N, C-alpha and C. Protein backbone atom coordinates (compact mmCIF):
# COMPACT_ATOMS: atom_id res chain seq x y z
N MET A 1 0.89 -1.13 -0.09
CA MET A 1 -0.11 -0.20 -0.20
C MET A 1 0.90 1.22 -0.03
N ILE A 2 0.36 2.42 -0.65
CA ILE A 2 1.19 3.26 -0.41
C ILE A 2 0.57 4.37 0.61
N GLU A 3 1.64 5.08 0.86
CA GLU A 3 1.07 5.76 2.04
C GLU A 3 1.74 7.28 1.50
N PRO A 4 1.23 8.29 1.55
CA PRO A 4 -0.24 8.36 1.98
C PRO A 4 -1.23 8.13 1.00
N LYS A 5 -2.66 7.93 1.53
CA LYS A 5 -3.47 7.09 0.98
C LYS A 5 -4.18 8.24 -0.55
N ILE A 6 -4.64 7.44 -1.28
CA ILE A 6 -5.14 8.17 -2.85
C ILE A 6 -5.76 8.94 -2.75
N ASP A 7 -6.92 8.74 -1.48
CA ASP A 7 -7.90 9.28 -1.07
C ASP A 7 -7.38 10.85 -0.80
N GLU A 8 -6.55 10.45 0.36
CA GLU A 8 -5.94 11.95 0.67
C GLU A 8 -5.47 12.88 -0.21
N LEU A 9 -4.62 12.32 -1.28
CA LEU A 9 -4.22 12.97 -2.14
C LEU A 9 -5.30 13.49 -3.19
N LEU A 10 -6.15 12.96 -3.43
CA LEU A 10 -6.94 13.19 -4.31
C LEU A 10 -7.55 14.43 -3.87
N ALA A 11 -7.91 14.64 -2.43
CA ALA A 11 -8.74 15.77 -1.83
C ALA A 11 -7.93 17.00 -2.07
N THR A 12 -6.49 16.87 -2.42
CA THR A 12 -5.85 18.19 -2.52
C THR A 12 -5.85 18.91 -3.85
N VAL A 13 -6.17 17.67 -4.65
CA VAL A 13 -6.00 18.75 -6.10
C VAL A 13 -7.68 18.25 -6.98
N ASP A 14 -7.46 18.89 -7.78
CA ASP A 14 -8.85 18.74 -8.41
C ASP A 14 -8.98 17.50 -9.67
N SER A 15 -7.92 16.74 -9.90
CA SER A 15 -8.42 15.25 -10.81
C SER A 15 -6.75 14.61 -10.49
N LYS A 16 -6.91 13.51 -10.82
CA LYS A 16 -5.90 12.63 -10.72
C LYS A 16 -5.01 13.12 -11.66
N TYR A 17 -5.11 13.62 -13.11
CA TYR A 17 -3.99 13.62 -14.18
C TYR A 17 -3.45 14.94 -13.12
N THR A 18 -3.97 15.65 -12.46
CA THR A 18 -3.19 16.88 -11.87
C THR A 18 -2.45 16.27 -10.76
N LEU A 19 -2.67 15.20 -10.09
CA LEU A 19 -1.82 14.85 -9.17
C LEU A 19 -0.62 13.93 -9.96
N VAL A 20 -0.73 13.66 -10.61
CA VAL A 20 0.39 12.62 -11.99
C VAL A 20 1.11 13.91 -11.98
N ILE A 21 0.76 14.85 -12.61
CA ILE A 21 1.63 16.16 -13.25
C ILE A 21 2.56 16.68 -12.06
N LEU A 22 1.78 17.10 -11.04
CA LEU A 22 2.55 17.74 -9.97
C LEU A 22 3.56 17.16 -9.09
N SER A 23 3.06 15.72 -8.84
CA SER A 23 4.07 14.82 -8.17
C SER A 23 5.13 14.25 -8.81
N ALA A 24 4.95 14.39 -10.40
CA ALA A 24 6.26 13.98 -11.32
C ALA A 24 7.02 14.95 -11.29
N LYS A 25 6.56 16.40 -11.45
CA LYS A 25 7.48 17.29 -11.83
C LYS A 25 8.30 18.02 -10.45
N ARG A 26 7.38 17.66 -9.23
CA ARG A 26 8.13 18.02 -7.82
C ARG A 26 9.00 16.78 -7.57
N ALA A 27 8.85 15.77 -8.13
CA ALA A 27 10.01 14.78 -7.53
C ALA A 27 11.23 14.64 -8.73
N ARG A 28 10.84 15.43 -10.07
CA ARG A 28 12.01 15.71 -10.33
C ARG A 28 12.82 16.48 -10.20
N GLU A 29 12.36 17.59 -9.48
CA GLU A 29 12.78 19.05 -8.91
C GLU A 29 13.76 18.13 -7.66
N ILE A 30 13.24 17.27 -6.99
CA ILE A 30 13.85 16.56 -5.52
C ILE A 30 15.16 15.92 -6.32
N ASN A 31 14.69 15.05 -7.48
CA ASN A 31 15.99 14.41 -7.78
C ASN A 31 17.24 14.98 -8.16
N SER A 32 16.91 16.44 -8.62
CA SER A 32 17.85 17.40 -9.37
C SER A 32 18.71 17.49 -8.29
N TYR A 33 17.42 17.97 -7.37
CA TYR A 33 18.60 18.55 -5.64
C TYR A 33 19.58 17.66 -5.40
N TYR A 34 19.07 16.50 -5.26
CA TYR A 34 20.21 15.31 -4.92
C TYR A 34 21.41 15.34 -5.49
N ASN A 35 21.32 15.55 -6.93
CA ASN A 35 22.32 15.41 -7.88
C ASN A 35 23.26 16.53 -7.97
N GLN A 36 22.51 17.56 -7.42
CA GLN A 36 23.57 18.70 -7.56
C GLN A 36 24.22 19.23 -6.44
N LEU A 37 23.82 18.65 -5.01
CA LEU A 37 24.14 18.62 -3.48
C LEU A 37 25.63 19.03 -3.72
N GLY A 38 26.36 17.92 -4.20
CA GLY A 38 27.82 17.88 -4.51
C GLY A 38 28.43 18.96 -4.91
N GLU A 39 27.85 19.67 -6.08
CA GLU A 39 28.39 20.84 -6.50
C GLU A 39 28.11 22.24 -6.13
N GLY A 40 27.32 22.08 -4.77
CA GLY A 40 27.12 23.37 -4.22
C GLY A 40 26.50 24.65 -4.67
N ARG A 41 25.80 24.17 -5.86
CA ARG A 41 24.93 25.47 -6.38
C ARG A 41 23.67 25.88 -5.75
N GLY A 42 22.89 25.13 -5.42
CA GLY A 42 21.55 25.19 -4.29
C GLY A 42 20.73 26.07 -5.78
N GLU A 43 20.46 25.17 -6.65
CA GLU A 43 19.55 26.09 -7.74
C GLU A 43 17.80 25.33 -7.13
N PHE A 44 17.94 23.98 -6.47
CA PHE A 44 16.58 23.48 -6.62
C PHE A 44 16.19 23.61 -5.23
N VAL A 45 14.99 23.37 -4.72
CA VAL A 45 14.77 23.51 -3.44
C VAL A 45 14.84 21.77 -2.92
N PRO A 46 15.24 22.55 -1.93
CA PRO A 46 15.23 20.80 -1.11
C PRO A 46 13.88 20.04 -0.51
N PRO A 47 13.73 18.79 -0.33
CA PRO A 47 12.37 18.47 0.16
C PRO A 47 11.98 19.21 1.38
N LEU A 48 10.68 19.48 1.32
CA LEU A 48 9.88 20.30 2.34
C LEU A 48 9.38 19.28 3.75
N VAL A 49 9.56 18.07 3.70
CA VAL A 49 9.20 17.10 4.67
C VAL A 49 10.26 16.23 5.37
N GLU A 50 10.35 16.36 5.88
CA GLU A 50 11.35 15.22 7.03
C GLU A 50 11.45 13.84 6.19
N THR A 51 12.40 13.50 5.62
CA THR A 51 12.69 12.49 4.68
C THR A 51 12.98 11.07 5.40
N GLY A 52 13.59 11.01 6.35
CA GLY A 52 14.33 9.52 7.46
C GLY A 52 15.03 8.92 6.58
N GLY A 53 15.97 9.83 6.09
CA GLY A 53 17.33 9.10 5.15
C GLY A 53 16.97 9.30 4.05
N LEU A 54 18.09 8.52 3.45
CA LEU A 54 17.75 8.43 2.08
C LEU A 54 16.99 7.18 1.52
N LYS A 55 16.26 6.79 2.17
CA LYS A 55 15.66 5.25 1.96
C LYS A 55 14.37 6.14 0.78
N ASN A 56 13.73 7.04 1.10
CA ASN A 56 12.63 7.25 0.47
C ASN A 56 12.86 8.07 -1.03
N LYS A 57 12.07 7.28 -1.97
CA LYS A 57 12.67 8.01 -3.35
C LYS A 57 11.88 9.23 -3.76
N PRO A 58 12.41 10.18 -4.50
CA PRO A 58 11.85 11.22 -4.83
C PRO A 58 10.28 11.51 -4.98
N LEU A 59 9.66 10.05 -5.78
CA LEU A 59 8.29 10.63 -5.69
C LEU A 59 7.47 10.31 -4.42
N SER A 60 8.26 9.22 -3.59
CA SER A 60 7.45 9.36 -2.18
C SER A 60 7.53 10.66 -1.39
N ILE A 61 8.67 11.21 -0.92
CA ILE A 61 8.88 12.53 -1.07
C ILE A 61 7.74 13.38 -1.52
N ALA A 62 7.75 13.42 -2.83
CA ALA A 62 6.85 14.57 -3.44
C ALA A 62 5.49 13.98 -3.37
N LEU A 63 4.98 13.01 -3.15
CA LEU A 63 3.45 12.70 -2.42
C LEU A 63 3.14 13.14 -1.08
N GLN A 64 3.91 12.95 -0.49
CA GLN A 64 3.90 13.43 1.24
C GLN A 64 3.67 14.94 0.85
N GLU A 65 4.61 15.62 0.34
CA GLU A 65 4.66 16.68 0.58
C GLU A 65 3.25 17.30 0.02
N ILE A 66 2.76 16.78 -0.94
CA ILE A 66 1.07 16.93 -1.55
C ILE A 66 0.05 16.71 -0.57
N ALA A 67 0.19 15.87 0.51
CA ALA A 67 -0.54 15.30 1.23
C ALA A 67 -0.66 16.03 2.41
N GLU A 68 0.36 16.68 2.65
CA GLU A 68 0.93 17.72 3.65
C GLU A 68 0.44 19.24 3.62
N GLY A 69 -0.04 19.43 2.23
CA GLY A 69 -0.20 20.55 1.63
C GLY A 69 0.89 21.74 1.44
N LYS A 70 1.88 21.06 1.50
CA LYS A 70 3.30 21.89 1.33
C LYS A 70 3.50 22.38 -0.12
N ILE A 71 2.94 21.69 -1.13
CA ILE A 71 2.87 21.85 -2.77
C ILE A 71 1.56 22.14 -2.79
N VAL A 72 1.15 22.88 -4.02
CA VAL A 72 -0.02 23.26 -4.38
C VAL A 72 0.02 23.42 -6.06
N PHE A 73 -0.84 23.49 -6.54
CA PHE A 73 -1.30 23.78 -7.87
C PHE A 73 -2.15 25.05 -8.09
N GLU A 74 -1.73 25.52 -8.95
CA GLU A 74 -2.60 26.80 -9.61
C GLU A 74 -2.80 26.57 -10.99
N ARG A 75 -4.39 26.64 -11.61
CA ARG A 75 -4.65 26.43 -12.92
C ARG A 75 -4.80 27.44 -13.32
N PRO A 76 -4.09 27.96 -14.42
CA PRO A 76 -4.25 29.12 -15.13
C PRO A 76 -5.36 29.51 -15.79
N GLU A 77 -5.88 30.23 -15.59
CA GLU A 77 -7.33 30.70 -16.32
C GLU A 77 -7.29 30.87 -18.05
N GLY A 78 -8.17 30.32 -18.69
CA GLY A 78 -8.41 30.41 -20.25
C GLY A 78 -7.34 29.75 -20.72
N VAL A 79 -6.75 28.71 -20.17
CA VAL A 79 -5.86 27.88 -21.02
C VAL A 79 -6.70 26.39 -20.92
N GLY A 80 -6.58 25.82 -22.41
CA GLY A 80 -6.73 24.67 -22.19
C GLY A 80 -7.94 24.43 -23.93
N ILE A 81 -8.28 23.56 -23.73
CA ILE A 81 -9.20 23.01 -25.25
C ILE A 81 -10.36 23.55 -25.05
N LYS A 82 -10.42 24.17 -26.35
CA LYS A 82 -12.07 25.23 -26.20
C LYS A 82 -12.99 24.35 -27.67
């Protein structure tokens, strides 16, 4: 079973597609953060939740951030298929 529960995650976004895009983008940012750590650049935002070591994968961390409300989305007005 995944933690946090899918129902909790879907309550924070408007659709499952938004959840997929939001979590994938954030997981890429977290992965990039860990990859650039040794270079000292500091371009990316570190994880916003306690990770409990290096055991958690970037997608798990991203889903936890979404469940806790630390990552939110904003849908632009007037964009989409008409």
